[in-house]
């Protein structure tokens, strides 16, 4: 029983240290935060903090690892959208799930920018380098089949789904993490709606096979099918 209590105490100390470090790193950056500040914010001694983490960088790495695990969790609503692989009919769902990811992980997202600025991205390199492979595993076969049946145009659908996913996450990051609402000169609903229309129908004039240009798709109230080849 004594060992179990000690393990729970240790887990609680680690959780407090990570929470304190996340708050400090996301506000002050990595170099602007000290082990003393983290220990004080966590209610730990500096010695106790070093007992659990050999260095400040090890805490930073642990926080990013925890964030990657959140992003790869199959139960994450965004990953459930990915798993259904219904792109591009699911663009509205993809946007909503992306917004939720940003809202729930504001401080973790800021760590990515801290890593880019202070470490030249060394801690996030592998995660983003493997992103294309993860999308290929989920979407590759289904999108290829749909394109071969003429259900999608002649653009690369894999590029489209990756661009859409990254755009939604970046858009809501600017809106919520950077605190710049209306940064495209329109409401989030309008901006997302216009982007969805752009992905589904393109920028050039549509022919007679296209849906009515006056549809209400830009407001997320309609989910028209992608254009078939003539």
Protein backbone atom coordinates (compact mmCIF):
# COMPACT_ATOMS: atom_id res chain seq x y z
CA UNK A 1 0.00 0.00 0.00
CA UNK A 2 2.86 2.35 0.77
CA UNK A 3 4.29 1.85 -2.70
CA UNK A 4 0.92 2.51 -4.31
CA UNK A 5 0.52 5.74 -2.38
CA UNK A 6 4.00 6.81 -3.41
CA UNK A 7 3.24 6.10 -7.07
CA UNK A 8 0.05 8.16 -6.90
CA UNK A 9 1.93 10.97 -5.21
CA UNK A 10 4.58 10.86 -7.90
CA UNK A 11 1.95 10.89 -10.66
CA UNK A 12 0.25 13.87 -9.04
CA UNK A 13 3.56 15.75 -8.84
CA UNK A 14 4.28 15.05 -12.52
CA UNK A 15 0.81 16.24 -13.52
CA UNK A 16 1.23 19.47 -11.53
CA UNK A 17 4.66 20.08 -13.04
CA UNK A 18 3.38 19.53 -16.58
CA UNK A 19 0.40 21.83 -16.05
CA UNK A 20 2.62 24.55 -14.59
CA UNK A 21 5.16 24.20 -17.40
CA UNK A 22 2.45 24.27 -20.08
CA UNK A 23 1.10 27.51 -18.68
CA UNK A 24 4.53 29.12 -18.42
CA UNK A 25 5.93 27.91 -21.77
CA UNK A 26 2.79 28.98 -23.64
CA UNK A 27 2.96 32.47 -22.10
CA UNK A 28 6.67 33.12 -21.65
CA UNK A 29 8.34 30.77 -24.07
CA UNK A 30 10.88 28.08 -23.25
CA UNK A 31 13.89 30.24 -22.50
CA UNK A 32 11.75 32.76 -20.64
CA UNK A 33 10.70 30.10 -18.13
CA UNK A 34 12.90 28.56 -15.46
CA UNK A 35 12.82 25.32 -13.52
CA UNK A 36 12.41 27.41 -10.37
CA UNK A 37 9.31 29.07 -11.79
CA UNK A 38 7.86 25.73 -12.85
CA UNK A 39 8.53 24.22 -9.41
CA UNK A 40 6.99 27.19 -7.62
CA UNK A 41 3.91 27.19 -9.84
CA UNK A 42 3.50 23.45 -9.30
CA UNK A 43 3.99 23.68 -5.53
CA UNK A 44 7.09 21.48 -5.69
CA UNK A 45 10.67 21.89 -4.62
CA UNK A 46 13.24 22.33 -7.36
CA UNK A 47 14.85 19.09 -6.23
CA UNK A 48 11.56 17.22 -6.52
CA UNK A 49 11.03 18.64 -10.00
CA UNK A 50 14.47 17.45 -11.10
CA UNK A 51 13.69 14.05 -9.59
CA UNK A 52 10.88 13.66 -12.14
CA UNK A 53 12.41 15.54 -15.06
CA UNK A 54 16.17 15.68 -15.69
CA UNK A 55 15.95 18.98 -17.56
CA UNK A 56 13.61 21.75 -18.65
CA UNK A 57 13.79 20.48 -22.21
CA UNK A 58 12.59 17.05 -21.10
CA UNK A 59 9.44 18.72 -19.75
CA UNK A 60 8.96 20.56 -23.04
CA UNK A 61 9.36 17.32 -24.98
CA UNK A 62 6.91 15.51 -22.71
CA UNK A 63 4.29 18.22 -23.26
CA UNK A 64 4.64 17.95 -27.04
CA UNK A 65 4.51 14.16 -26.85
CA UNK A 66 1.31 14.41 -24.83
CA UNK A 67 -0.14 16.72 -27.49
CA UNK A 68 0.74 14.32 -30.30
CA UNK A 69 -1.01 11.55 -28.38
CA UNK A 70 -4.10 13.74 -28.13
CA UNK A 71 -4.02 14.36 -31.88
CA UNK A 72 -3.59 10.67 -32.69
CA UNK A 73 -6.31 9.44 -30.30
CA UNK A 74 -8.85 7.47 -32.39
CA UNK A 75 -11.65 8.83 -30.19
CA UNK A 76 -10.82 12.43 -31.09
CA UNK A 77 -13.79 13.77 -33.11
CA UNK A 78 -11.42 15.02 -35.81
CA UNK A 79 -9.93 11.54 -36.21
CA UNK A 80 -13.42 10.07 -36.40
CA UNK A 81 -14.12 12.40 -39.32
CA UNK A 82 -10.88 11.27 -40.93
CA UNK A 83 -11.72 7.61 -40.34
CA UNK A 84 -15.01 7.91 -42.21
CA UNK A 85 -13.07 9.26 -45.21
CA UNK A 86 -16.13 10.99 -46.69
CA UNK A 87 -14.20 13.93 -48.13
CA UNK A 88 -15.29 16.29 -49.64
CA UNK A 89 -18.92 15.79 -48.53
CA UNK A 90 -17.79 16.06 -44.90
CA UNK A 91 -16.06 19.44 -45.13
CA UNK A 92 -18.53 21.03 -42.70
CA UNK A 93 -17.83 18.26 -40.17
CA UNK A 94 -14.10 18.62 -40.77
CA UNK A 95 -14.29 22.35 -40.06
CA UNK A 96 -16.28 21.88 -36.84
CA UNK A 97 -13.97 19.15 -35.55
CA UNK A 98 -10.90 21.24 -36.38
CA UNK A 99 -12.33 24.19 -34.46
CA UNK A 100 -12.89 21.92 -31.47
CA UNK A 101 -9.28 20.69 -31.57
CA UNK A 102 -8.00 24.26 -31.52
CA UNK A 103 -10.35 25.35 -28.74
CA UNK A 104 -9.35 22.42 -26.52
CA UNK A 105 -5.60 22.68 -27.13
CA UNK A 106 -4.79 26.39 -27.30
CA UNK A 107 -1.74 26.23 -25.05
CA UNK A 108 -0.33 23.11 -26.72
CA UNK A 109 -0.64 24.74 -30.13
CA UNK A 110 1.34 27.71 -28.88
CA UNK A 111 4.14 25.29 -27.94
CA UNK A 112 4.51 24.47 -31.63
CA UNK A 113 5.34 28.10 -32.34
CA UNK A 114 7.70 28.17 -29.37
CA UNK A 115 9.48 25.16 -30.87
CA UNK A 116 9.73 26.80 -34.29
CA UNK A 117 11.12 30.04 -32.87
CA UNK A 118 13.42 28.69 -30.17
CA UNK A 119 14.41 25.26 -31.50
CA UNK A 120 13.94 25.66 -35.27
CA UNK A 121 11.22 23.04 -35.10
CA UNK A 122 13.41 20.17 -33.97
CA UNK A 123 10.77 18.67 -31.65
CA UNK A 124 7.88 18.82 -34.13
CA UNK A 125 9.80 17.75 -37.24
CA UNK A 126 8.95 14.05 -37.16
CA UNK A 127 5.25 14.51 -36.50
CA UNK A 128 4.73 16.80 -39.48
CA UNK A 129 7.11 14.87 -41.73
CA UNK A 130 4.93 11.78 -41.34
CA UNK A 131 1.64 13.64 -41.87
CA UNK A 132 1.33 12.80 -45.57
CA UNK A 133 1.74 9.08 -44.85
CA UNK A 134 -1.02 9.18 -42.24
CA UNK A 135 -3.41 10.82 -44.69
CA UNK A 136 -2.45 8.32 -47.37
CA UNK A 137 -3.23 5.41 -45.06
CA UNK A 138 -6.70 6.77 -44.32
CA UNK A 139 -7.77 8.34 -47.61
CA UNK A 140 -5.55 6.96 -50.35
CA UNK A 141 -7.52 3.93 -51.52
CA UNK A 142 -10.97 5.49 -51.15
CA UNK A 143 -10.10 8.71 -52.97
CA UNK A 144 -8.40 6.81 -55.78
CA UNK A 145 -11.47 4.64 -56.24
CA UNK A 146 -13.80 7.64 -56.31
CA UNK A 147 -11.61 9.45 -58.80
CA UNK A 148 -11.44 6.40 -61.06
CA UNK A 149 -15.27 6.27 -61.04
CA UNK A 150 -15.42 9.90 -62.13
CA UNK A 151 -16.87 11.12 -58.84
CA UNK A 152 -14.04 13.62 -58.36
CA UNK A 153 -12.36 16.03 -60.73
CA UNK A 154 -8.88 15.76 -62.16
CA UNK A 155 -7.16 17.60 -59.31
CA UNK A 156 -5.25 15.58 -56.71
CA UNK A 157 -7.86 14.73 -54.03
CA UNK A 158 -5.17 13.79 -51.52
CA UNK A 159 -3.65 17.25 -51.82
CA UNK A 160 -7.13 18.72 -51.40
CA UNK A 161 -7.91 16.87 -48.16
CA UNK A 162 -4.53 17.74 -46.64
CA UNK A 163 -4.81 21.40 -47.65
CA UNK A 164 -8.35 21.59 -46.28
CA UNK A 165 -7.35 20.00 -42.97
CA UNK A 166 -4.36 22.26 -42.50
CA UNK A 167 -6.29 25.37 -43.55
CA UNK A 168 -9.06 24.78 -41.00
CA UNK A 169 -6.56 24.24 -38.18
CA UNK A 170 -4.50 27.26 -39.16
CA UNK A 171 -7.56 29.47 -39.61
CA UNK A 172 -8.89 28.70 -36.13
CA UNK A 173 -5.40 29.02 -34.67
CA UNK A 174 -5.20 32.61 -35.92
CA UNK A 175 -8.73 33.30 -34.70
CA UNK A 176 -8.38 31.76 -31.25
CA UNK A 177 -4.68 31.39 -30.35
CA UNK A 178 -3.47 34.62 -31.90
CA UNK A 179 -6.60 36.51 -30.92
CA UNK A 180 -7.28 37.94 -34.38
CA UNK A 181 -11.00 37.53 -35.11
CA UNK A 182 -12.30 38.41 -38.56
CA UNK A 183 -8.75 38.29 -39.93
CA UNK A 184 -10.11 37.49 -43.40
CA UNK A 185 -12.55 40.38 -43.19
CA UNK A 186 -15.55 38.11 -42.64
CA UNK A 187 -17.07 36.04 -39.87
CA UNK A 188 -15.67 32.55 -39.19
CA UNK A 189 -18.86 31.03 -40.60
CA UNK A 190 -18.50 33.03 -43.82
CA UNK A 191 -14.78 32.31 -44.14
CA UNK A 192 -15.24 28.59 -43.63
CA UNK A 193 -18.19 28.54 -46.03
CA UNK A 194 -16.22 30.32 -48.76
CA UNK A 195 -13.27 27.98 -48.32
CA UNK A 196 -15.56 24.96 -48.59
CA UNK A 197 -17.06 26.32 -51.80
CA UNK A 198 -13.57 26.90 -53.17
CA UNK A 199 -12.46 23.34 -52.39
CA UNK A 200 -15.64 21.78 -53.80
CA UNK A 201 -16.09 23.86 -56.93
CA UNK A 202 -12.86 25.71 -57.64
CA UNK A 203 -12.38 29.31 -58.68
CA UNK A 204 -12.97 29.19 -62.44
CA UNK A 205 -16.50 29.56 -63.88
CA UNK A 206 -18.66 26.46 -63.59
CA UNK A 207 -20.39 24.75 -66.47
CA UNK A 208 -23.90 23.39 -66.73
CA UNK A 209 -23.01 20.33 -64.67
CA UNK A 210 -22.33 22.42 -61.59
CA UNK A 211 -24.77 23.08 -58.75
CA UNK A 212 -26.63 26.38 -58.71
CA UNK A 213 -24.15 29.16 -57.91
CA UNK A 214 -26.75 30.73 -55.65
CA UNK A 215 -27.04 27.76 -53.28
CA UNK A 216 -26.68 28.36 -49.58
CA UNK A 217 -23.61 26.08 -49.26
CA UNK A 218 -21.44 28.98 -48.15
CA UNK A 219 -23.32 29.01 -44.85
CA UNK A 220 -23.01 25.28 -44.19
CA UNK A 221 -26.75 24.63 -44.84
CA UNK A 222 -26.23 22.53 -47.94
CA UNK A 223 -23.83 19.74 -48.79
CA UNK A 224 -23.94 19.40 -52.58
CA UNK A 225 -22.08 16.59 -54.24
CA UNK A 226 -18.69 17.22 -55.86
CA UNK A 227 -18.67 17.93 -59.57
CA UNK A 228 -18.56 14.94 -61.91
CA UNK A 229 -16.50 15.04 -65.05
CA UNK A 230 -18.56 15.94 -68.15
